[in-house]
Amino acid sequence: MDKTHNISLGGFSFIIENGAASQLSAYLTKVRQYLGQSADTDEILTDVEQRMAELLRARMQNTEVVTSSDIDYLIQVMGKPEQYVQDDEELTFEKSAPVLPLRSRKLYRDINKGSIGGVLSGLSYYFQIDVTLLRIIYMLPILLNIGILSFTFNGSAMSLSTFSILLYVVLWLVIPPAKTTAEKLEMKGLEVNIDTISSHKDEEEAPKKRQWLRSTSDKWLMGVLGGLAKYFSISSIWLRIGVICCMIAALISTHGRALLFVLLYGFLAYGLKKDNESDSGQDKQQESSPMPLADNTAPQRHSRSILGQFFHIMFKGASYFLVMIFIFIVFILLLVVLSALLGIGIFSGASLVLLHDYLDFVLTKSWQQVLFYLSTTLLIVLFISIFTLLIMKVFSAKGYQTPRWWFAGNILITLVSFLGVFALVTSASRSFISYNTVEEKHPIALTSDTLFVREKTITPFSYSLLVDSKGVGRSGNVHFLGLGTTQQQAPYLLIKTTSQGGDTDEAIENAQKIEYPIEMVGDTLNLPDGFLLKKGNPYRMQRVYLKLFLPQGKMAKFTQFPTMKRGNLYPRGIYKAVNDSIVEVKK
């Protein structure tokens, strides 16, 4: 029966016998004497205690109390300080630390020296391959293969470059990082003892090479570009412009390059360390005693899991990408609206369309046009203000604080512009509430028994209104309803025009203002495929319906009548009025 103590070793609580505690305390005292009074003594001793705690936890599966035999096992594995000290008591090595065989090594990610997540650096230690050579081998299919080499997986083709990137992501998520000194030594295939721990600390004291780290001061887009600019000693503004151009190019391109770009940037943001993080990642002990009393405070855990951090970064990267797309689209729309309002013009299909030319057809009252230009100008000013603020925030290294007057001014502009738009839409919509129809019979002077009917093109195939260079509106909303018979001696064309308006009388006036220029040349009737609307006359969804009536015994031959586009029942052939009906004449 022996006394026991409750101790804290390497951040873990243990119950230890009195004799074993004395033996452990004496061993740690010798280790401290061996290390001397250097700046890294406490840190190395912490690593030694963490390794001893790991060994004890692995050994004590079915026991609860640490005994002297357990301490002997620790000393045997860790080694005695005397075996590393020569007669002159200087820190030297009897022989280089042997590298463990492949079966005894452990695979970790080298987060200290790795470029992106440390996957390839960890694999180079595990397989004893030069990391530069391994990186070149892994990057070759990504850089050289753009869908040239591919294979089929589950019925879907996948390029070798895409597979390489996905494989890297899987390895990144599966392979644990080497955080503690013991894990770093195991990653390199070295035994974990006092000698290797102390020598590892000496290696970390060597001058560090320049690294690409995430900037905590210039942290737009998660500090990736700020860190890259610091790495190359250049301005981050040009890098940001380049990334925006890449985002636009990725949006325009196909084959999923946009998603691939977002994933790649997200991996960089997740894998790169911050420039204010400690390389060791370990906190120094608060107590000077090698065996402080155990406290009940659990080791601090990460606020997010690795998978949670990964999805957080990916979601943030995708959000930035969508914001860039939105800014780009709205910027293009702003250029379109400005050019149209100023009369410069934009290309829509093959036609030059000027937005201000349409106002006279839709907004017929002068106050409506004034309100339209005022509201549009305010909305453009609002967008320019928001766009300028985004630019200031994007390209400001220290962050741009939005002034209060900006919020007040933009809220006022938004209210005034939207009230103007609402009043404009309300007044314009009242001009479309009624509907009416106007019919007109157009007699046809025929010198023979056959009427030749042709289609004449005056407008592109479109139901909507298009304005030509002379300011004349053209609409293809013409419907040919077919043929009918009449008891009159001469054939005629029934033209029915429909329109909308503020009331039925106004709808009739609007229907009468359109022009349908039919032509009669000899026995040939030329039917336009659209109607005309002169500038100043309102456009109120006018439509034209045609029906041709033939007297008994007369014929109609449709030539150059390819479609008539809208409801034509007799696109080609010869038709004759016989006994109050229309029959097709066989050739």
Foldseek 3Di string as FASTA:
>chain_A
DFDWAWWAFLQDIAIEGPVLVVVVQVQLVQLLVLVDPDPCSLVLLSLLRNVLVVQVVVVPPPDRYHYNVSSVVSCVQQDGSVVQADPVSDGDHPDDFDFADLVQAAAAAALQPDAFLRRLVLVCLNVVHDSVVSVVVLCVQLVPPPPPAWDDDPNDIDGPNRVSVVVVVVSSVPHHHQQGLCSVCSSNRGRNHSSSSVVVVVVVPPDDDQGQAAEPQQQFLHRNLVSVCVSVVHASVVVVVVVLVVLVVQVPDDPNSNVVSLLVSLSSSLSGHYPPDDSNNDDGDPDPRSIDRDDPDHPDDDPDDSVRSSVVSSVVSVVVSVVSVVLVVVVVVLVQVVCLVVVVFDDDPNATARPVLCCLQQPLDPVLVVLVVLLVVLVSVLSVLVSVQVVCQNNPSRGDDDDPVSVVVSVVSVVSSVVSVVVSVVVSVLFFPFKDKDKDKAWDDAPDQEAEEAEDEDDPPAQDWGAHPVSKIKGLQEAEAEEFADADPTKIKMKMKMFGGNYHVVRVVLRVQKAFDWDDDHRYTYGYSIIIHHRNRYHGSMHIYMYIYYYASGKYAYDNQQPSPHNYPDRGAMWHQHPRDIDGDDD
